[in-house]
Amino acid sequence: MTEEFDAVMFDAGGVLWDLNPTHRELISRVLSSNGEDVDDARLISAMRKAERVTDLAFSKLHGKDETPFWNDYDRIVLEEIGSVIDLETYSRDMSKEFETHAMKVESWVPYPDAIPTLIATKSRGFVVGLVSNATELARRVLANLDMEKYFDFIVISDEVGVRKPDKRIFEIALDMAGTKANRSLFLGDRPSIDMVGAIGAGMNAILVDRNEAFPDSQYLRISSLDSLARYL
């Protein structure tokens, strides 16, 4: 085990697991159902821009009505691909598609590098934790994926009453890990939530940028958990 860290903590969605079908695939479905087919490269580029532009707004969500946020995200995507689909129609259809899949436990699947990374990290003697802005669905996803066994502790925002980027959720995690902030590493996929929150709590942090949405980020950045070992 490295002399620098005692604990390694992970975010859930976007870091350890993803929706199946993916967000990109859902967007493609909605576009196609409205008479537009967009090649993957253009759509990926549009989604990257939408993620960058809306990142700060994403950090201010409180798990309640997220409609305004997603309307802005949808507007950016449509503008970037040059779509002529009415925003209200598109957003309504996207909401239906997302709710159809996202509320199902079986729709969430681990990234190929997730479980091997958790196993490798735990085998090296680190305290391993999960810290996520999530509802009880996250618990059910963990159970369905049989992933609970890889964690020494789990902190879910709905259970503790505080959300990232509030440093208090990280302080709860640090207390459960039994270590100090400067000896802990957090991996998350959102700069304004995960990086700001973890670093604000005094922790070390790495941005897991799987979609390459933040190439100019000021934070240490990896595109796959396969790269984590070199920092431990």
Protein backbone atom coordinates (compact mmCIF):
# COMPACT_ATOMS: atom_id res chain seq x y z
CA MET A 1 0.00 0.00 0.00
CA THR A 2 1.19 3.50 -0.79
CA GLU A 3 2.42 5.59 2.12
CA GLU A 4 0.31 8.52 0.92
CA PHE A 5 -3.23 7.11 1.27
CA ASP A 6 -5.16 5.04 3.77
CA ALA A 7 -8.55 5.20 2.02
CA VAL A 8 -9.85 5.31 -1.54
CA MET A 9 -13.45 6.39 -2.12
CA PHE A 10 -15.54 6.18 -5.27
CA ASP A 11 -18.63 7.88 -6.66
CA ALA A 12 -21.24 5.52 -8.10
CA GLY A 13 -22.89 6.60 -11.37
CA GLY A 14 -20.40 7.59 -14.05
CA VAL A 15 -17.52 6.04 -12.13
CA LEU A 16 -18.53 2.52 -11.14
CA TRP A 17 -21.73 1.92 -13.05
CA ASP A 18 -23.67 3.22 -16.02
CA LEU A 19 -27.17 3.08 -17.42
CA ASN A 20 -27.96 0.39 -20.00
CA PRO A 21 -29.08 1.58 -22.52
CA THR A 22 -26.68 4.48 -22.11
CA HIS A 23 -27.68 8.13 -22.08
CA ARG A 24 -26.29 8.49 -25.59
CA GLU A 25 -28.34 5.53 -26.81
CA LEU A 26 -31.49 6.98 -25.27
CA ILE A 27 -30.87 10.31 -27.00
CA SER A 28 -30.36 8.50 -30.31
CA ARG A 29 -33.66 6.68 -29.83
CA VAL A 30 -35.58 9.87 -29.16
CA LEU A 31 -33.99 11.66 -32.10
CA SER A 32 -34.77 8.74 -34.38
CA SER A 33 -38.37 8.52 -33.17
CA ASN A 34 -38.72 12.20 -34.10
CA GLY A 35 -37.32 11.65 -37.59
CA GLU A 36 -33.67 12.59 -37.06
CA ASP A 37 -30.64 10.33 -37.17
CA VAL A 38 -27.34 11.77 -35.97
CA ASP A 39 -23.97 10.06 -36.27
CA ASP A 40 -22.27 9.10 -33.02
CA ALA A 41 -19.36 11.53 -33.38
CA ARG A 42 -21.64 14.58 -33.61
CA LEU A 43 -23.83 13.40 -30.78
CA ILE A 44 -20.88 12.64 -28.50
CA SER A 45 -19.44 16.09 -29.19
CA ALA A 46 -22.81 17.71 -28.37
CA MET A 47 -23.11 15.74 -25.13
CA ARG A 48 -19.61 16.73 -24.08
CA LYS A 49 -20.43 20.39 -24.52
CA ALA A 50 -23.72 20.00 -22.64
CA GLU A 51 -21.88 18.36 -19.73
CA ARG A 52 -19.31 21.17 -19.58
CA VAL A 53 -21.83 24.01 -19.82
CA THR A 54 -24.23 22.54 -17.26
CA ASP A 55 -21.66 21.24 -14.78
CA LEU A 56 -22.04 24.08 -12.28
CA ALA A 57 -25.84 23.93 -12.47
CA PHE A 58 -25.66 20.18 -11.85
CA SER A 59 -23.95 20.82 -8.51
CA LYS A 60 -26.96 22.84 -7.36
CA LEU A 61 -29.53 20.09 -7.89
CA HIS A 62 -31.14 18.78 -4.74
CA GLY A 63 -32.68 15.57 -6.03
CA LYS A 64 -36.11 17.16 -6.38
CA ASP A 65 -37.43 18.76 -9.58
CA GLU A 66 -34.57 18.56 -12.07
CA THR A 67 -36.69 19.55 -15.09
CA PRO A 68 -35.13 23.01 -15.65
CA PHE A 69 -31.65 21.52 -15.57
CA TRP A 70 -32.44 18.80 -18.10
CA ASN A 71 -34.27 21.26 -20.33
CA ASP A 72 -31.05 23.30 -20.54
CA TYR A 73 -29.00 20.17 -21.21
CA ASP A 74 -31.44 19.09 -23.93
CA ARG A 75 -31.43 22.54 -25.52
CA ILE A 76 -27.64 22.52 -25.81
CA VAL A 77 -27.61 19.05 -27.37
CA LEU A 78 -30.26 20.00 -29.93
CA GLU A 79 -28.48 23.23 -30.81
CA GLU A 80 -25.12 21.50 -31.23
CA ILE A 81 -26.45 18.84 -33.61
CA GLY A 82 -28.55 21.36 -35.53
CA SER A 83 -31.84 19.66 -34.72
CA VAL A 84 -35.17 21.13 -35.71
CA ILE A 85 -37.11 19.08 -33.17
CA ASP A 86 -39.20 21.16 -30.79
CA LEU A 87 -37.47 21.35 -27.39
CA GLU A 88 -40.65 20.66 -25.43
CA THR A 89 -41.39 17.57 -27.48
CA TYR A 90 -37.83 16.30 -27.26
CA SER A 91 -37.53 16.91 -23.50
CA ARG A 92 -40.84 15.18 -22.85
CA ASP A 93 -39.79 12.14 -24.86
CA MET A 94 -36.36 12.04 -23.21
CA SER A 95 -37.92 12.20 -19.76
CA LYS A 96 -40.17 9.26 -20.55
CA GLU A 97 -37.28 7.20 -21.92
CA PHE A 98 -35.06 7.97 -18.96
CA GLU A 99 -37.69 7.23 -16.35
CA THR A 100 -38.58 3.97 -18.08
CA HIS A 101 -35.04 2.68 -17.68
CA ALA A 102 -33.37 4.57 -14.85
CA MET A 103 -35.86 3.45 -12.20
CA LYS A 104 -35.16 -0.21 -12.94
CA VAL A 105 -32.44 -1.80 -10.84
CA GLU A 106 -31.43 -4.10 -13.69
CA SER A 107 -30.79 -1.13 -16.00
CA TRP A 108 -27.62 -0.22 -14.11
CA VAL A 109 -24.48 -2.14 -15.04
CA PRO A 110 -20.86 -1.90 -13.87
CA TYR A 111 -18.21 -0.52 -16.18
CA PRO A 112 -15.81 -3.30 -17.25
CA ASP A 113 -13.01 -1.77 -15.16
CA ALA A 114 -15.09 -1.20 -12.01
CA ILE A 115 -15.06 -4.52 -10.17
CA PRO A 116 -11.43 -5.38 -11.09
CA THR A 117 -10.39 -1.96 -9.73
CA LEU A 118 -12.33 -2.41 -6.49
CA ILE A 119 -10.81 -5.86 -5.98
CA ALA A 120 -7.29 -4.62 -6.73
CA THR A 121 -7.66 -1.57 -4.47
CA LYS A 122 -9.01 -3.59 -1.55
CA SER A 123 -6.35 -6.28 -1.99
CA ARG A 124 -3.66 -3.65 -1.50
CA GLY A 125 -4.96 -2.87 1.96
CA PHE A 126 -6.82 0.38 1.35
CA VAL A 127 -10.06 1.18 3.14
CA VAL A 128 -12.54 1.32 0.25
CA GLY A 129 -15.69 3.44 0.33
CA LEU A 130 -18.55 4.66 -1.81
CA VAL A 131 -19.89 8.22 -1.53
CA SER A 132 -22.83 9.06 -3.78
CA ASN A 133 -25.61 11.58 -4.26
CA ALA A 134 -28.34 8.99 -4.57
CA THR A 135 -31.60 7.55 -3.29
CA GLU A 136 -32.32 4.09 -1.92
CA LEU A 137 -32.13 2.88 -5.53
CA ALA A 138 -28.34 2.89 -5.15
CA ARG A 139 -28.60 0.32 -2.35
CA ARG A 140 -30.73 -1.90 -4.56
CA VAL A 141 -28.32 -1.51 -7.48
CA LEU A 142 -25.40 -2.45 -5.22
CA ALA A 143 -27.25 -5.56 -4.07
CA ASN A 144 -28.28 -6.51 -7.59
CA LEU A 145 -24.69 -6.17 -8.84
CA ASP A 146 -23.35 -7.94 -5.74
CA MET A 147 -20.96 -5.03 -5.19
CA GLU A 148 -21.54 -4.28 -1.51
CA LYS A 149 -18.85 -6.76 -0.52
CA TYR A 150 -16.14 -4.61 -2.09
CA PHE A 151 -16.76 -1.66 0.27
CA ASP A 152 -15.81 -1.10 3.87
CA PHE A 153 -18.44 1.63 4.10
CA ILE A 154 -21.14 3.25 1.97
CA VAL A 155 -22.43 6.83 2.24
CA ILE A 156 -25.60 7.69 0.31
CA SER A 157 -26.87 11.27 0.40
CA ASP A 158 -30.53 10.43 1.00
CA GLU A 159 -29.53 8.37 4.03
CA VAL A 160 -27.29 10.96 5.67
CA GLY A 161 -29.25 14.08 4.69
CA VAL A 162 -26.47 15.97 2.92
CA ARG A 163 -25.28 15.97 -0.69
CA LYS A 164 -22.02 16.59 -2.49
CA PRO A 165 -20.42 19.11 -2.90
CA ASP A 166 -21.19 19.87 0.77
CA LYS A 167 -18.03 18.90 2.61
CA ARG A 168 -20.08 17.37 5.42
CA ILE A 169 -20.83 14.27 3.37
CA PHE A 170 -17.11 13.74 2.89
CA GLU A 171 -16.50 14.30 6.59
CA ILE A 172 -19.03 11.57 7.33
CA ALA A 173 -17.14 9.30 4.95
CA LEU A 174 -13.80 10.15 6.54
CA ASP A 175 -15.17 9.36 9.96
CA MET A 176 -16.38 5.98 8.71
CA ALA A 177 -13.02 5.36 7.04
CA GLY A 178 -11.21 6.21 10.26
CA THR A 179 -8.62 8.36 8.55
CA LYS A 180 -7.69 11.95 7.81
CA ALA A 181 -8.68 13.91 4.73
CA ASN A 182 -5.13 14.35 3.45
CA ARG A 183 -4.65 10.58 3.52
CA SER A 184 -7.75 9.88 1.45
CA LEU A 185 -8.44 9.86 -2.28
CA PHE A 186 -11.83 10.41 -3.92
CA LEU A 187 -12.75 9.55 -7.50
CA GLY A 188 -15.75 11.25 -9.07
CA ASP A 189 -17.02 12.25 -12.50
CA ARG A 190 -18.22 15.82 -11.90
CA PRO A 191 -15.82 18.74 -11.35
CA SER A 192 -18.28 21.03 -9.56
CA ILE A 193 -19.66 18.29 -7.31
CA ASP A 194 -16.95 15.74 -6.75
CA MET A 195 -13.71 17.64 -7.17
CA VAL A 196 -14.88 20.83 -5.46
CA GLY A 197 -16.50 18.87 -2.65
CA ALA A 198 -13.67 16.44 -1.94
CA ILE A 199 -10.90 19.01 -2.23
CA GLY A 200 -12.95 21.43 -0.13
CA ALA A 201 -12.99 18.77 2.58
CA GLY A 202 -9.20 18.54 2.37
CA MET A 203 -9.08 15.30 0.40
CA ASN A 204 -7.13 14.36 -2.69
CA ALA A 205 -9.28 13.87 -5.78
CA ILE A 206 -9.16 12.48 -9.32
CA LEU A 207 -11.72 13.29 -12.01
CA VAL A 208 -12.93 10.19 -13.83
CA ASP A 209 -13.74 11.69 -17.22
CA ARG A 210 -14.99 8.67 -19.16
CA ASN A 211 -16.66 10.81 -21.82
CA GLU A 212 -13.67 13.15 -22.26
CA ALA A 213 -16.01 16.05 -21.51
CA PHE A 214 -13.50 18.06 -19.46
CA PRO A 215 -10.19 18.01 -21.39
CA ASP A 216 -9.14 21.38 -20.00
CA SER A 217 -9.98 20.55 -16.39
CA GLN A 218 -7.65 21.91 -13.73
CA TYR A 219 -8.00 18.64 -11.84
CA LEU A 220 -6.02 15.43 -12.16
CA ARG A 221 -8.01 13.48 -14.74
CA ILE A 222 -8.26 9.89 -15.96
CA SER A 223 -10.60 8.38 -18.54
CA SER A 224 -10.64 4.87 -17.07
CA LEU A 225 -10.22 3.27 -13.68
CA ASP A 226 -7.51 1.14 -15.29
CA SER A 227 -5.28 4.19 -14.81
CA LEU A 228 -5.89 4.46 -11.06
CA ALA A 229 -3.11 2.09 -9.97
CA ARG A 230 -0.38 4.48 -11.04
CA TYR A 231 -1.60 7.04 -8.48
CA LEU A 232 -1.82 4.63 -5.56
